[in-house]
N, C-alpha and C. Protein backbone atom coordinates (compact mmCIF):
# COMPACT_ATOMS: atom_id res chain seq x y z
N MET A 1 67.74 18.05 106.38
CA MET A 1 67.18 18.57 105.40
C MET A 1 66.35 17.54 104.76
N ILE A 2 65.27 17.74 104.21
CA ILE A 2 64.16 16.78 103.74
C ILE A 2 64.73 16.56 102.30
N GLU A 3 65.06 15.39 101.71
CA GLU A 3 65.08 15.08 100.30
C GLU A 3 64.26 15.37 99.29
N ALA A 4 64.24 15.70 98.20
CA ALA A 4 63.29 15.96 97.07
C ALA A 4 61.79 14.90 97.23
N SER A 5 60.66 15.44 97.38
CA SER A 5 59.62 14.78 97.64
C SER A 5 58.92 14.23 96.50
N LEU A 6 59.62 13.29 95.96
CA LEU A 6 58.80 12.38 94.93
C LEU A 6 58.53 11.10 95.25
N ASN A 7 57.37 10.65 94.79
CA ASN A 7 57.03 9.10 95.14
C ASN A 7 57.60 8.20 94.20
N VAL A 8 57.35 6.76 94.21
CA VAL A 8 57.90 5.73 93.66
C VAL A 8 57.43 5.87 92.23
N LEU A 9 56.68 6.65 91.98
CA LEU A 9 56.07 6.58 90.52
C LEU A 9 56.57 7.84 90.03
N GLY A 10 57.46 8.68 90.54
CA GLY A 10 58.14 9.89 89.90
C GLY A 10 57.50 11.11 90.19
N GLU A 11 56.50 10.95 90.82
CA GLU A 11 55.25 12.05 90.94
C GLU A 11 55.49 12.88 92.23
N GLU A 12 54.96 13.91 92.49
CA GLU A 12 55.00 14.69 93.74
C GLU A 12 54.48 13.71 94.96
N LEU A 13 55.01 13.75 96.09
CA LEU A 13 54.61 12.71 96.93
C LEU A 13 53.55 13.46 97.52
N GLN A 14 52.71 12.50 97.70
CA GLN A 14 51.13 12.76 98.25
C GLN A 14 51.42 12.68 99.88
N PRO A 15 50.37 13.42 100.85
CA PRO A 15 50.45 12.89 102.26
C PRO A 15 49.94 11.49 102.50
N CYS A 16 50.55 11.21 103.46
CA CYS A 16 50.16 9.47 103.97
C CYS A 16 49.32 9.75 105.12
N SER A 17 49.33 10.36 106.06
CA SER A 17 48.15 10.47 106.95
C SER A 17 48.62 11.81 108.02
N HIS A 18 47.65 12.43 108.72
CA HIS A 18 47.79 13.47 109.46
C HIS A 18 46.88 13.07 110.72
N SER A 19 46.14 11.85 110.58
CA SER A 19 45.36 11.60 111.81
C SER A 19 45.29 9.96 111.72
N PRO A 20 46.41 9.33 112.28
CA PRO A 20 47.64 9.69 113.04
C PRO A 20 48.39 10.39 112.38
N LEU A 21 49.04 11.55 113.05
CA LEU A 21 50.12 12.23 112.23
C LEU A 21 51.26 11.11 112.18
N THR A 22 51.79 10.98 110.87
CA THR A 22 52.88 10.19 110.52
C THR A 22 54.05 10.80 110.02
N GLY A 23 55.00 10.11 109.75
CA GLY A 23 56.33 10.52 108.91
C GLY A 23 57.55 10.79 110.03
N PHE A 24 58.58 10.45 109.48
CA PHE A 24 59.91 10.64 110.27
C PHE A 24 59.87 12.19 110.90
N TYR A 25 59.31 13.19 109.97
CA TYR A 25 59.39 14.52 110.39
C TYR A 25 58.14 15.00 111.02
N ARG A 26 57.20 14.20 111.04
CA ARG A 26 55.98 13.97 111.87
C ARG A 26 55.13 15.27 110.72
N ASN A 27 55.28 15.20 109.80
CA ASN A 27 54.51 16.34 108.74
C ASN A 27 53.43 15.47 107.79
N GLY A 28 53.12 14.28 108.45
CA GLY A 28 52.12 13.58 107.59
C GLY A 28 52.49 12.97 106.16
N CYS A 29 53.77 13.04 105.67
CA CYS A 29 54.41 12.67 104.58
C CYS A 29 55.36 11.75 105.03
N CYS A 30 55.62 10.98 103.99
CA CYS A 30 56.83 10.06 104.07
C CYS A 30 57.96 10.30 103.84
N ASP A 31 58.33 11.68 104.23
CA ASP A 31 59.59 12.25 103.45
C ASP A 31 60.89 11.67 104.41
N THR A 32 61.92 11.91 103.78
CA THR A 32 63.25 11.40 104.30
C THR A 32 64.37 12.28 104.06
N GLY A 33 65.29 11.91 104.67
CA GLY A 33 66.78 12.62 104.89
C GLY A 33 67.55 11.98 105.41
N PRO A 34 68.84 12.69 105.55
CA PRO A 34 69.89 12.13 106.16
C PRO A 34 70.12 11.45 107.44
N GLU A 35 68.77 12.20 108.46
CA GLU A 35 68.73 11.97 109.70
C GLU A 35 67.89 10.61 109.91
N ASP A 36 67.17 10.32 108.81
CA ASP A 36 66.03 9.20 109.08
C ASP A 36 67.22 7.67 108.52
N ARG A 37 67.67 7.17 109.60
CA ARG A 37 68.24 5.95 109.50
C ARG A 37 67.64 4.76 109.06
N GLY A 38 66.36 5.05 109.46
CA GLY A 38 65.47 3.87 109.01
C GLY A 38 64.50 3.87 108.07
N VAL A 39 64.90 4.71 107.12
CA VAL A 39 64.14 4.85 105.88
C VAL A 39 62.79 4.93 105.93
N HIS A 40 62.00 5.68 106.87
CA HIS A 40 60.58 5.84 106.98
C HIS A 40 59.75 6.21 105.95
N THR A 41 59.67 5.46 104.71
CA THR A 41 59.35 5.81 103.40
C THR A 41 58.13 5.20 102.80
N VAL A 42 57.81 4.07 103.46
CA VAL A 42 56.61 3.56 102.80
C VAL A 42 55.17 3.80 103.50
N CYS A 43 54.19 4.48 102.57
CA CYS A 43 53.04 4.75 103.19
C CYS A 43 52.16 3.35 103.37
N ALA A 44 51.90 3.00 104.49
CA ALA A 44 51.24 1.75 104.47
C ALA A 44 49.79 1.85 105.04
N ILE A 45 48.84 0.67 104.85
CA ILE A 45 47.68 0.90 105.56
C ILE A 45 47.79 -0.47 106.36
N LEU A 46 47.85 -0.16 107.71
CA LEU A 46 48.16 -1.03 108.75
C LEU A 46 47.04 -2.17 108.74
N THR A 47 47.34 -3.45 109.27
CA THR A 47 46.75 -4.66 109.26
C THR A 47 46.91 -5.22 110.77
N ASP A 48 45.95 -5.96 111.24
CA ASP A 48 46.07 -6.75 112.45
C ASP A 48 47.54 -7.60 112.22
N GLU A 49 47.54 -8.15 111.16
CA GLU A 49 48.51 -9.34 111.13
C GLU A 49 50.01 -8.41 111.15
N PHE A 50 50.29 -7.49 110.41
CA PHE A 50 51.37 -6.68 110.49
C PHE A 50 51.58 -6.21 111.69
N LEU A 51 50.69 -5.45 112.45
CA LEU A 51 50.87 -4.95 113.57
C LEU A 51 51.46 -6.11 114.63
N ALA A 52 50.66 -7.20 114.80
CA ALA A 52 51.21 -8.15 115.60
C ALA A 52 52.62 -9.03 115.04
N MET A 53 53.03 -8.84 113.68
CA MET A 53 54.42 -9.23 113.58
C MET A 53 55.27 -8.18 113.99
N SER A 54 55.09 -6.95 113.76
CA SER A 54 55.90 -5.78 114.19
C SER A 54 56.26 -5.71 115.93
N LYS A 55 54.93 -6.23 116.71
CA LYS A 55 55.27 -6.10 118.13
C LYS A 55 56.12 -7.38 118.53
N TYR A 56 55.82 -8.49 117.84
CA TYR A 56 56.48 -9.78 117.82
C TYR A 56 58.24 -9.63 117.61
N LEU A 57 58.48 -8.70 116.76
CA LEU A 57 59.81 -8.26 116.33
C LEU A 57 60.43 -7.16 116.88
N GLY A 58 59.71 -6.49 118.11
CA GLY A 58 60.03 -5.58 118.95
C GLY A 58 59.79 -4.03 118.90
N ASN A 59 58.85 -4.19 117.62
CA ASN A 59 58.55 -2.58 117.53
C ASN A 59 56.87 -2.66 117.69
N ASP A 60 56.59 -2.46 119.07
CA ASP A 60 55.17 -2.38 119.27
C ASP A 60 54.50 -1.19 118.95
N LEU A 61 53.82 -0.92 117.83
CA LEU A 61 53.26 0.22 117.04
C LEU A 61 51.57 0.35 117.67
N SER A 62 51.14 -0.74 118.45
CA SER A 62 49.77 -0.72 118.62
C SER A 62 49.65 -0.22 120.22
N THR A 63 50.28 -0.61 120.94
CA THR A 63 50.27 0.25 122.50
C THR A 63 50.19 1.65 122.65
N PRO A 64 49.15 2.11 123.17
CA PRO A 64 49.50 3.71 123.31
C PRO A 64 50.70 4.09 124.40
N ARG A 65 51.13 4.94 123.84
CA ARG A 65 52.32 5.44 124.87
C ARG A 65 52.06 6.69 125.24
N PRO A 66 51.16 7.16 126.06
CA PRO A 66 50.97 8.55 126.22
C PRO A 66 52.05 9.45 126.62
N GLU A 67 53.09 9.10 127.42
CA GLU A 67 54.22 9.83 127.70
C GLU A 67 55.05 10.26 126.53
N PHE A 68 54.77 9.50 125.42
CA PHE A 68 55.26 10.25 124.05
C PHE A 68 54.25 10.91 123.23
N GLY A 69 53.06 11.00 123.67
CA GLY A 69 52.15 11.41 122.73
C GLY A 69 51.69 10.48 121.79
N PHE A 70 51.69 9.34 121.97
CA PHE A 70 51.51 8.20 120.83
C PHE A 70 49.97 7.61 121.44
N ALA A 71 49.27 7.52 120.41
CA ALA A 71 48.05 6.89 120.93
C ALA A 71 47.82 5.47 120.57
N GLY A 72 48.96 5.05 119.97
CA GLY A 72 48.85 3.72 119.40
C GLY A 72 47.82 3.50 117.95
N LEU A 73 48.65 2.62 117.33
CA LEU A 73 47.87 2.54 115.74
C LEU A 73 47.09 1.17 115.72
N LYS A 74 46.05 1.20 114.91
CA LYS A 74 45.01 -0.01 114.68
C LYS A 74 44.97 -0.13 113.10
N ALA A 75 44.44 -1.54 112.85
CA ALA A 75 44.17 -1.71 111.49
C ALA A 75 43.26 -0.75 110.74
N GLY A 76 43.88 -0.37 109.53
CA GLY A 76 43.43 0.87 108.86
C GLY A 76 44.05 2.07 108.91
N ASP A 77 44.71 2.18 109.91
CA ASP A 77 45.73 3.36 109.94
C ASP A 77 46.79 3.37 109.04
N ARG A 78 46.83 4.67 108.46
CA ARG A 78 48.40 4.95 107.54
C ARG A 78 49.41 5.34 108.53
N TRP A 79 50.46 4.77 108.08
CA TRP A 79 51.58 4.94 108.86
C TRP A 79 52.71 4.87 107.82
N CYS A 80 53.85 5.95 108.00
CA CYS A 80 55.11 5.70 107.30
C CYS A 80 56.03 4.35 107.70
N LEU A 81 56.32 3.35 107.23
CA LEU A 81 56.78 2.21 107.63
C LEU A 81 58.47 2.43 107.28
N CYS A 82 59.49 1.67 108.21
CA CYS A 82 60.60 1.73 107.34
C CYS A 82 60.55 0.71 106.35
N ALA A 83 61.18 1.12 105.18
CA ALA A 83 61.38 0.37 103.80
C ALA A 83 61.79 -1.17 104.26
N GLY A 84 62.98 -1.47 104.97
CA GLY A 84 63.39 -2.60 105.27
C GLY A 84 62.32 -3.57 105.94
N ARG A 85 61.48 -3.00 107.09
CA ARG A 85 60.60 -3.66 107.62
C ARG A 85 59.46 -4.23 106.81
N PHE A 86 59.55 -3.26 106.02
CA PHE A 86 57.98 -3.39 104.91
C PHE A 86 58.50 -4.70 103.99
N LEU A 87 59.73 -4.69 103.47
CA LEU A 87 60.39 -5.91 102.96
C LEU A 87 60.42 -6.97 103.57
N GLN A 88 60.56 -6.81 104.75
CA GLN A 88 60.87 -8.18 105.89
C GLN A 88 59.17 -8.84 106.06
N ALA A 89 58.08 -7.81 105.97
CA ALA A 89 56.92 -8.25 106.17
C ALA A 89 56.46 -8.99 104.77
N HIS A 90 56.90 -8.74 103.65
CA HIS A 90 56.42 -9.03 102.52
C HIS A 90 57.01 -10.47 102.28
N GLU A 91 58.54 -10.50 102.75
CA GLU A 91 59.03 -11.98 102.86
C GLU A 91 58.37 -12.91 103.71
N GLU A 92 57.85 -12.49 104.85
CA GLU A 92 57.05 -13.15 105.92
C GLU A 92 55.62 -13.77 105.92
N GLY A 93 55.21 -12.85 104.67
CA GLY A 93 53.91 -13.06 104.04
C GLY A 93 52.56 -12.21 105.12
N ALA A 94 53.13 -11.15 105.52
CA ALA A 94 52.64 -10.19 106.50
C ALA A 94 52.71 -8.72 106.06
N ALA A 95 52.90 -8.33 104.70
CA ALA A 95 52.91 -7.09 104.38
C ALA A 95 51.46 -6.46 104.30
N PRO A 96 51.51 -5.20 104.66
CA PRO A 96 50.12 -4.38 104.67
C PRO A 96 50.08 -3.84 103.24
N GLN A 97 48.80 -3.19 102.81
CA GLN A 97 48.72 -2.52 101.44
C GLN A 97 49.50 -1.37 101.71
N VAL A 98 49.71 -0.58 100.42
CA VAL A 98 50.66 0.69 100.62
C VAL A 98 49.90 1.46 99.51
N ARG A 99 50.12 2.68 99.69
CA ARG A 99 49.85 3.76 98.66
C ARG A 99 50.93 4.35 98.00
N LEU A 100 50.99 3.91 96.53
CA LEU A 100 52.11 4.32 96.05
C LEU A 100 52.39 5.85 95.79
N ALA A 101 51.46 6.73 95.89
CA ALA A 101 51.44 8.02 95.66
C ALA A 101 51.86 8.92 96.93
N SER A 102 51.86 8.20 97.95
CA SER A 102 52.52 8.51 99.28
C SER A 102 53.60 7.93 99.77
N THR A 103 54.21 6.95 98.78
CA THR A 103 55.34 6.17 99.27
C THR A 103 56.88 6.86 98.53
N HIS A 104 57.71 7.30 99.48
CA HIS A 104 58.60 8.03 98.90
C HIS A 104 59.73 7.27 97.88
N GLN A 105 60.30 7.81 96.94
CA GLN A 105 61.08 6.99 95.81
C GLN A 105 62.36 6.48 96.82
N ARG A 106 62.81 6.89 97.66
CA ARG A 106 63.76 6.28 98.47
C ARG A 106 63.60 5.04 98.64
N THR A 107 62.32 4.58 98.65
CA THR A 107 62.15 3.28 99.14
C THR A 107 62.54 2.24 98.12
N LEU A 108 62.61 2.83 96.75
CA LEU A 108 63.15 1.94 95.63
C LEU A 108 64.67 1.38 95.82
N ASP A 109 65.35 2.11 96.93
CA ASP A 109 66.61 1.78 97.10
C ASP A 109 66.49 0.33 97.71
N ILE A 110 65.33 0.12 98.23
CA ILE A 110 65.40 -0.91 99.39
C ILE A 110 64.58 -2.17 98.93
N VAL A 111 63.24 -1.60 98.46
CA VAL A 111 62.03 -2.34 97.83
C VAL A 111 61.76 -2.02 96.44
N PRO A 112 61.74 -3.27 95.47
CA PRO A 112 61.39 -3.12 94.31
C PRO A 112 60.12 -2.77 93.88
N LEU A 113 59.97 -1.84 92.97
CA LEU A 113 58.52 -1.29 92.67
C LEU A 113 57.53 -2.33 92.39
N ASP A 114 58.04 -3.50 91.48
CA ASP A 114 57.08 -4.46 91.37
C ASP A 114 56.90 -5.27 92.87
N VAL A 115 57.51 -5.32 93.90
CA VAL A 115 57.08 -5.85 95.10
C VAL A 115 55.94 -4.90 95.63
N LEU A 116 56.25 -3.42 95.72
CA LEU A 116 55.32 -2.77 96.10
C LEU A 116 53.84 -2.43 95.46
N ARG A 117 54.13 -2.83 94.07
CA ARG A 117 53.05 -2.96 93.18
C ARG A 117 52.04 -4.03 93.63
N GLN A 118 52.27 -4.96 94.36
CA GLN A 118 51.60 -6.02 94.44
C GLN A 118 50.79 -5.85 95.88
N TYR A 119 51.22 -4.69 96.52
CA TYR A 119 50.36 -4.13 97.67
C TYR A 119 49.45 -2.99 97.50
N ALA A 120 49.91 -2.51 96.33
CA ALA A 120 49.18 -1.19 96.18
C ALA A 120 47.62 -0.88 96.11
N GLN A 121 47.25 -0.16 96.87
CA GLN A 121 46.03 0.39 97.25
C GLN A 121 45.12 1.15 96.21
N ASP A 122 46.32 1.98 95.57
CA ASP A 122 45.96 3.22 94.77
C ASP A 122 46.22 3.02 93.15
N THR A 123 46.05 1.95 92.78
CA THR A 123 46.33 1.42 91.45
C THR A 123 45.16 0.83 90.63
């Protein structure tokens, strides 16, 4: 079951991306629920630097995986990131920009709002 769809600003959660189709539930939004153990709630605008860091850490988001219907991501794509990975990228100086209106409020359990605001593209 999907949790209440509110963003970090306390407003209705806006879509993150339909192309590429993102979200734990692959509905274009960074919705979350009990099944989403990775907390895929941060709507990020990906950068080459972040994609390289993610690949180095074992989560290769840029290489196409046609067997899974995954075309691979590139800089400029919007994607629902795990909140913990976003916080790690922030600490490593490689965090991408975020869309606060499309970032689920559950993110605030892991990433402080003032940190998210540092990377906000929509404020």
